[in-house]
Amino acid sequence: MSRTDAELSAPPDRDLSSVATRPDGPLREYAAPIVLAAVMLAMGLFRLGSKTVWQDEAFTWSSATLSNGTFVANIAHHEASLGLFLSLQRVWMWFGTGAFWIRLPSVIFATAVIPVLWIVARRLSDARTATIAAALFVVNAAWLSHVQEDRVYPLVVLLACCSTYWFVREVDAPGRRNRWWWVVTSVLMVLAHVLSALVLVAQILSLLVARPDRQRTRHVLGGVGMMAWVVVPFGLVVAVQPVFKLADDSSPSLHFFTTTIRDLVGRGTPLLGLEALAAGAALYALYRIFRAHGRSDDAWRIALPALWFGFSVAAFFAYSQIAPVFQERYMLAFLPGAVILVAMGIGLIPTRPLQALAVVVLLAFAGRGVWSWYDGEPRQSWGSVARMLERDARPNDAIVFEADLSRLPLAYQLRDEPATQRKLSPTWPGGRPWTAGFTSDDYRFATISPASITRAAAGHDRVWVVDVGVHDRDTRAAIRSLERRYRRVRDVRFDDLTRLALYERR
């Protein structure tokens, strides 16, 4: 998207969607997104099942495999915000629950993201910009880490890109078909993750810099009214459902904000700096166009990805000052706007060789993050914990968990190990068998107390304690209480957070 000063002063409202759309044939036209989608698929499948299923993935497994009535009740009372995703995973897990299999839908969704993102960027600018944006997205380490996990975020990103595509179509050519597709994909996006509604708000706000057009405004507002019949009741249901309370309820600081954004764009400070420069160049172009022509479609085509990322992140950060939920993964739906804006900035570099050099440098910095993900340790080493228990547990051993949610990933690891299940009695939380279905009522980020550990250890000569690094006042007091009657005979650390200790009665 190279623009000289003369181009920036040209009459507004050029149809940029027609740029570079006249190749020799469909295969050549879409060669770039096809190749990049294939790369995304290969990167997603590479070592897909090698890392241990961790706590959040185990929560997906547990929630998706409940009995029919319990599943519906759990969605209705606790997990409406994940209802669409868990329903899809429920069907998928009828055919298997291995790590590779349950993560495969995320790879499929992620692969579909690339051509949709490419088409959105091409309609906003040109094919070169679209290719740069899609390439930067493929090698984003934060994105890849979630592509290889059984979580909702690749689906949310796909629906955000689809929603934005149909929004751009609706703005370019208002019509019933475009509006209906925009409504459907936007509603599904919000149903997949309620915070993705910020993408929808950013889309609407972008019209403030677009060329005034009554027909277009009427169509968009009509679409918003159609969505409201589903989105508003759904938002109210989610708002009244109980949420997990984190131990640290402080609001995110500016330093935490900066660190989180750095991790989101590729997990590297140099990469963040270079991408910020490119995005800044695109924003300067937006300023020049707006100053010269006021509201115009040329300005809107840059403002849309800028608001997609910038407004959504800022609004989420502001909300997090009230409810501290500011996390990298919740912002993945905003990331396509960032890579499109960066690609637009690179397109302003005056020569193609310099543009290519800029892309190569960005890809090189991003590649370091990608390799660190593949080469790094799993988030939590529950497979190793399970193997030690399979080898060393004895009949009538008790096992307790410092925090209730940490039972889920071990239950996943032991789902096909009936012999180990028979030897180990899970006495906290719940005192229920390993095979029981667990709902969100069973897990509230609770930690064990002295009274709970006393009841859990009663009648057992050996107690295994799973330590996940919470170490709040209750858990420290609980361990001291246990050590009055039991002596610690083994203590093994598996990763930065996970330890397994064995206590025997004195």
Foldseek 3Di string as FASTA:
>chain_A
DADDPVRLLDDFFDQQLPAAQDDPDDCVSCVLLVVLLVVLLVLLLVCLQVAAAALVLLQLVLLLQAPPVVNVVLCQFANQLANVLSPVLNVQCVVHDGRSSLLVVLSVLLSLLLVLLLSLLCSLHHNQLSSLLSLLQSLALVSSLSSSGNDLQSVLLSLLSQLSSLLSVCLVPNDDVSLVSNLVSLLVNCSNHVLLVLLVVLSVVLQQQADDDVVSVVSSVVSVVVNCVRNVVSVVSNVPHDDFDDPDFAQDDPVNLVQLVCSLSAVDPVLVVLLVQLLVQLVVSLVSSCVSHNRHSNSSSLSSLCCLQVVSSVVVSVVCNVGVPDHNSSRNSSVSSSSSSSSVSLNNPNDPVSSVVSSVVSSVSNNVSSVCSVPDHHPDRLLVVLVVLVVDFAAQEEEEEQWQSRLSSNLSNCVPPVVSQRRYQDQPPPSDGSPHRDHVVSHRRDGAALVSLVVRCPPGQKYKYKWQAPPDPRSVNNVVSVCVFWPWDDWDDDDPGIIIIMTGGD
